[in-house]
Amino acid sequence: MISYQYDYNHIKKNYQELMNIIYFINLIVPLLQKEFQFILSFEKDNHYKVHFNNFKMSLIRYLETLKVDLIKSININIKILN
C-alpha cells in the first residue's frame, strides 16, 4: 500500500494534474458570472495516501484564496462532499 508513495511517476502525475486544474480555473475566471459554485468530492483523508491528501488540500486552499481575492467581483461557493 505504501509503495506508490515512492513511485516517482505517480507523484509527478498527481502534481501535474493539480497544476492543470489550477491553470484551467485561472483561464475561466474571466468567464465566471457573479456567482459560481465549486462542488468537490474526494476520498476521505488516509494516512497512506499522503500525496493525494496534499493534492486535495492544495486545491481547497487555492479555491479559498481565489474566493478571497475575487470577493468584490464574484461570489464563489465551495462545497466539499464526503
Protein backbone atom coordinates (compact mmCIF):
# COMPACT_ATOMS: atom_id res chain seq x y z
CA MET A 1 0.00 0.00 0.00
CA ILE A 2 2.79 2.43 0.80
CA SER A 3 4.86 1.51 -2.24
CA TYR A 4 3.11 4.03 -4.52
CA GLN A 5 4.38 6.80 -2.22
CA TYR A 6 7.80 6.24 -3.73
CA ASP A 7 6.65 5.84 -7.30
CA TYR A 8 8.05 8.97 -8.90
CA ASN A 9 5.78 8.78 -11.97
CA HIS A 10 2.68 8.55 -9.81
CA ILE A 11 3.74 11.53 -7.71
CA LYS A 12 4.66 13.54 -10.80
CA LYS A 13 1.30 12.79 -12.43
CA ASN A 14 -0.55 13.77 -9.26
CA TYR A 15 1.09 17.21 -9.08
CA GLN A 16 0.79 17.79 -12.83
CA GLU A 17 -2.95 17.20 -12.55
CA LEU A 18 -3.14 19.72 -9.73
CA MET A 19 -1.22 22.25 -11.81
CA ASN A 20 -3.53 21.67 -14.81
CA ILE A 21 -6.66 22.13 -12.68
CA ILE A 22 -5.37 25.39 -11.21
CA TYR A 23 -4.31 26.61 -14.66
CA PHE A 24 -7.74 25.79 -16.09
CA ILE A 25 -9.54 27.60 -13.27
CA ASN A 26 -7.34 30.65 -13.85
CA LEU A 27 -8.30 30.59 -17.52
CA ILE A 28 -12.04 30.52 -16.83
CA VAL A 29 -12.09 33.17 -14.09
CA PRO A 30 -12.85 35.99 -16.58
CA LEU A 31 -15.83 33.97 -17.85
CA LEU A 32 -17.40 33.43 -14.45
CA GLN A 33 -20.70 35.04 -13.64
CA LYS A 34 -21.45 36.96 -10.44
CA GLU A 35 -21.87 33.71 -8.60
CA PHE A 36 -20.06 30.41 -9.04
CA GLN A 37 -20.03 27.18 -7.07
CA PHE A 38 -17.33 24.52 -6.85
CA ILE A 39 -18.56 21.15 -5.64
CA LEU A 40 -15.69 18.84 -4.76
CA SER A 41 -15.94 15.17 -3.97
CA PHE A 42 -12.85 13.46 -2.56
CA GLU A 43 -11.99 10.30 -0.73
CA LYS A 44 -11.56 10.70 2.99
CA ASP A 45 -8.08 11.53 4.22
CA ASN A 46 -5.93 8.48 4.52
CA HIS A 47 -2.60 8.22 6.31
CA TYR A 48 -1.22 6.07 3.48
CA LYS A 49 -2.22 8.49 0.72
CA VAL A 50 -0.04 11.42 1.64
CA HIS A 51 0.26 12.80 -1.89
CA PHE A 52 -3.46 12.59 -2.52
CA ASN A 53 -4.10 14.39 0.78
CA ASN A 54 -1.67 17.11 -0.33
CA PHE A 55 -3.42 17.34 -3.70
CA LYS A 56 -6.80 17.73 -2.04
CA MET A 57 -5.66 20.33 0.49
CA SER A 58 -3.74 22.30 -2.14
CA LEU A 59 -6.80 22.52 -4.37
CA ILE A 60 -9.06 23.52 -1.47
CA ARG A 61 -6.61 26.18 -0.27
CA TYR A 62 -6.25 27.53 -3.79
CA LEU A 63 -10.03 27.85 -4.16
CA GLU A 64 -10.33 29.51 -0.75
CA THR A 65 -7.63 32.02 -1.72
CA LEU A 66 -9.33 32.65 -5.05
CA LYS A 67 -12.60 33.24 -3.23
CA VAL A 68 -10.96 35.87 -1.02
CA ASP A 69 -9.19 37.52 -3.96
CA LEU A 70 -12.40 37.81 -6.00
CA ILE A 71 -14.80 38.60 -3.18
CA LYS A 72 -15.69 42.03 -4.59
CA SER A 73 -16.47 40.81 -8.11
CA ILE A 74 -17.54 37.15 -7.93
CA ASN A 75 -19.26 35.21 -5.18
CA ILE A 76 -17.57 31.81 -5.09
CA ASN A 77 -19.03 29.00 -3.02
CA ILE A 78 -17.01 25.91 -2.21
CA LYS A 79 -18.84 22.77 -1.21
CA ILE A 80 -16.88 19.68 -0.19
CA LEU A 81 -18.77 16.40 -0.22
CA ASN A 82 -17.78 13.50 1.99
